[in-house]
Protein backbone atom coordinates (compact mmCIF):
# COMPACT_ATOMS: atom_id res chain seq x y z
CA UNK A 1 -0.08 0.33 -0.25
CA UNK A 2 1.48 3.20 -0.86
CA UNK A 3 2.11 6.24 1.69
CA UNK A 4 -0.51 9.12 1.08
CA UNK A 5 1.77 11.34 2.22
CA UNK A 6 5.43 10.48 0.93
CA UNK A 7 3.93 7.94 -2.13
CA UNK A 8 6.55 5.24 -0.42
CA UNK A 9 5.46 1.81 -1.32
CA UNK A 10 6.08 0.31 1.96
CA UNK A 11 4.23 0.62 4.79
CA UNK A 12 3.41 -2.01 7.76
CA UNK A 13 0.27 -3.00 9.56
CA UNK A 14 -0.07 -1.52 13.00
CA UNK A 15 -3.66 -2.84 13.78
CA UNK A 16 -6.71 -4.93 11.79
CA UNK A 17 -10.14 -5.08 13.07
CA UNK A 18 -13.18 -5.67 11.24
CA UNK A 19 -15.79 -2.60 10.37
CA UNK A 20 -19.14 -2.56 8.52
CA UNK A 21 -20.17 -5.52 10.14
CA UNK A 22 -17.80 -7.67 9.40
CA UNK A 23 -17.95 -6.71 5.57
CA UNK A 24 -14.56 -4.65 5.68
CA UNK A 25 -11.09 -4.83 7.60
CA UNK A 26 -9.99 -1.48 9.10
CA UNK A 27 -6.53 -1.40 8.86
CA UNK A 28 -3.92 0.87 10.87
CA UNK A 29 -0.90 1.27 8.77
CA UNK A 30 2.37 3.12 9.12
CA UNK A 31 4.88 4.31 6.55
CA UNK A 32 8.27 2.67 6.78
CA UNK A 33 9.99 5.85 5.20
CA UNK A 34 8.26 8.82 6.75
CA UNK A 35 6.33 7.64 9.25
CA UNK A 36 3.02 9.00 9.12
CA UNK A 37 0.14 6.68 10.11
CA UNK A 38 -3.00 6.10 7.99
CA UNK A 39 -5.97 3.77 8.02
CA UNK A 40 -7.28 1.90 5.05
CA UNK A 41 -10.18 -0.38 4.52
CA UNK A 42 -9.92 -3.49 2.92
CA UNK A 43 -13.42 -5.31 1.20
CA UNK A 44 -14.35 -7.78 -1.19
CA UNK A 45 -15.20 -7.67 -4.54
CA UNK A 46 -18.07 -9.59 -5.75
CA UNK A 47 -17.84 -10.39 -9.25
CA UNK A 48 -21.39 -11.40 -10.79
CA UNK A 49 -21.30 -13.27 -14.23
CA UNK A 50 -22.43 -11.69 -17.58
CA UNK A 51 -25.94 -11.96 -18.55
CA UNK A 52 -26.62 -14.10 -21.93
CA UNK A 53 -29.81 -12.85 -23.51
CA UNK A 54 -32.05 -14.81 -25.72
CA UNK A 55 -31.11 -12.86 -28.68
CA UNK A 56 -27.26 -14.01 -28.10
CA UNK A 57 -26.11 -10.37 -26.96
CA UNK A 58 -24.36 -10.29 -23.63
CA UNK A 59 -24.48 -7.83 -21.00
CA UNK A 60 -23.02 -6.93 -17.33
CA UNK A 61 -25.60 -8.22 -14.63
CA UNK A 62 -27.84 -5.48 -13.17
CA UNK A 63 -28.80 -5.65 -9.42
CA UNK A 64 -30.95 -2.68 -10.06
CA UNK A 65 -32.95 -4.50 -12.60
CA UNK A 66 -33.28 -7.73 -10.66
CA UNK A 67 -34.32 -5.73 -7.77
CA UNK A 68 -37.07 -3.53 -9.77
CA UNK A 69 -38.29 -6.93 -11.16
CA UNK A 70 -38.89 -8.19 -7.92
CA UNK A 71 -40.34 -5.09 -6.49
CA UNK A 72 -42.85 -4.97 -9.25
CA UNK A 73 -43.89 -8.90 -8.84
CA UNK A 74 -44.22 -7.95 -5.03
CA UNK A 75 -46.02 -4.79 -5.17
CA UNK A 76 -48.70 -4.37 -2.54
CA UNK A 77 -47.72 -8.18 -1.14
CA UNK A 78 -46.99 -8.77 2.45
CA UNK A 79 -43.62 -8.99 2.26
CA UNK A 80 -41.16 -6.82 4.67
CA UNK A 81 -38.30 -4.97 2.75
CA UNK A 82 -36.00 -7.00 5.01
CA UNK A 83 -37.30 -10.54 3.12
CA UNK A 84 -36.88 -8.80 -0.23
CA UNK A 85 -33.45 -7.95 0.38
CA UNK A 86 -32.74 -11.44 1.77
CA UNK A 87 -34.36 -13.02 -1.65
CA UNK A 88 -32.18 -10.49 -3.74
CA UNK A 89 -29.00 -11.68 -1.92
CA UNK A 90 -29.76 -15.45 -1.81
CA UNK A 91 -30.49 -14.96 -5.67
CA UNK A 92 -27.28 -13.47 -6.50
CA UNK A 93 -25.39 -16.07 -4.19
CA UNK A 94 -27.14 -19.02 -6.53
CA UNK A 95 -26.02 -17.16 -9.45
CA UNK A 96 -22.39 -16.68 -8.16
CA UNK A 97 -22.53 -20.37 -7.05
CA UNK A 98 -23.23 -21.53 -10.85
CA UNK A 99 -19.37 -20.48 -10.97
CA UNK A 100 -20.11 -19.44 -14.64
CA UNK A 101 -18.53 -16.31 -16.60
CA UNK A 102 -21.64 -16.02 -18.34
CA UNK A 103 -25.30 -17.05 -17.20
CA UNK A 104 -28.14 -17.19 -19.52
CA UNK A 105 -31.09 -15.10 -18.56
CA UNK A 106 -33.32 -17.91 -18.83
CA UNK A 107 -31.18 -19.62 -15.80
CA UNK A 108 -31.73 -16.37 -13.77
CA UNK A 109 -35.50 -16.16 -14.61
CA UNK A 110 -35.80 -19.67 -13.27
CA UNK A 111 -33.92 -18.75 -9.96
CA UNK A 112 -35.77 -15.70 -9.65
CA UNK A 113 -38.96 -17.90 -10.16
CA UNK A 114 -37.98 -20.47 -7.24
CA UNK A 115 -37.33 -17.65 -4.96
CA UNK A 116 -40.48 -16.05 -5.65
CA UNK A 117 -42.54 -19.49 -5.02
CA UNK A 118 -40.90 -20.06 -1.88
CA UNK A 119 -41.83 -16.23 -0.63
CA UNK A 120 -45.13 -15.22 -2.17
CA UNK A 121 -47.05 -17.40 -4.71
CA UNK A 122 -49.31 -14.48 -6.17
CA UNK A 123 -45.34 -12.42 -6.68
CA UNK A 124 -44.72 -15.95 -8.17
CA UNK A 125 -47.36 -15.97 -10.87
CA UNK A 126 -47.01 -12.01 -11.65
CA UNK A 127 -43.35 -12.78 -12.40
CA UNK A 128 -44.22 -15.87 -14.42
CA UNK A 129 -46.67 -14.13 -16.27
CA UNK A 130 -44.04 -11.41 -17.82
CA UNK A 131 -40.95 -13.67 -17.54
CA UNK A 132 -42.95 -16.75 -19.57
CA UNK A 133 -44.59 -14.18 -21.52
CA UNK A 134 -48.59 -15.60 -21.06
CA UNK A 135 -50.53 -14.56 -23.96
CA UNK A 136 -53.94 -15.59 -22.85
CA UNK A 137 -55.90 -16.55 -19.46
CA UNK A 138 -55.27 -20.35 -20.01
CA UNK A 139 -51.69 -19.84 -19.37
CA UNK A 140 -52.45 -18.00 -16.30
CA UNK A 141 -54.50 -21.29 -15.33
CA UNK A 142 -51.97 -23.74 -16.32
CA UNK A 143 -48.72 -21.70 -14.41
CA UNK A 144 -51.52 -21.88 -11.23
CA UNK A 145 -51.97 -25.59 -11.70
CA UNK A 146 -48.46 -26.50 -11.98
CA UNK A 147 -47.94 -24.30 -8.74
CA UNK A 148 -50.82 -26.09 -6.88
CA UNK A 149 -49.45 -29.59 -8.32
CA UNK A 150 -45.77 -28.41 -7.06
CA UNK A 151 -47.00 -27.35 -3.50
CA UNK A 152 -48.66 -30.45 -2.66
């Protein structure tokens, strides 16, 4: 770590502590050249895979887009913000655990549907209606029948 005072390349760690509820490490450092002390924060970098769209294009994973989709499906449902955040984190964790550099949007959609099914059946059907592009009432009926069969 370069010293912010003299730009020397060497410093020694004097103290390390957890910060930000365990998501960061706070390090107190001392420059071996000028003796000045400074603080650094170290955190992990979460790299999400790219999303392969059905048209063959690839785009970066967009957490905000996933959040909007969840919020839309869960609108006016008896679900807390904490539950939404937990589901959002769980979905991202499942995507990362696939261990792929590129993940098909269909795979992400299936992961979201599984999470919504466990959380709220109405939100599940709402999301499915957009994700699977329902064209008529029969498609809704079929999805609900599948959901009821799955729940038994």
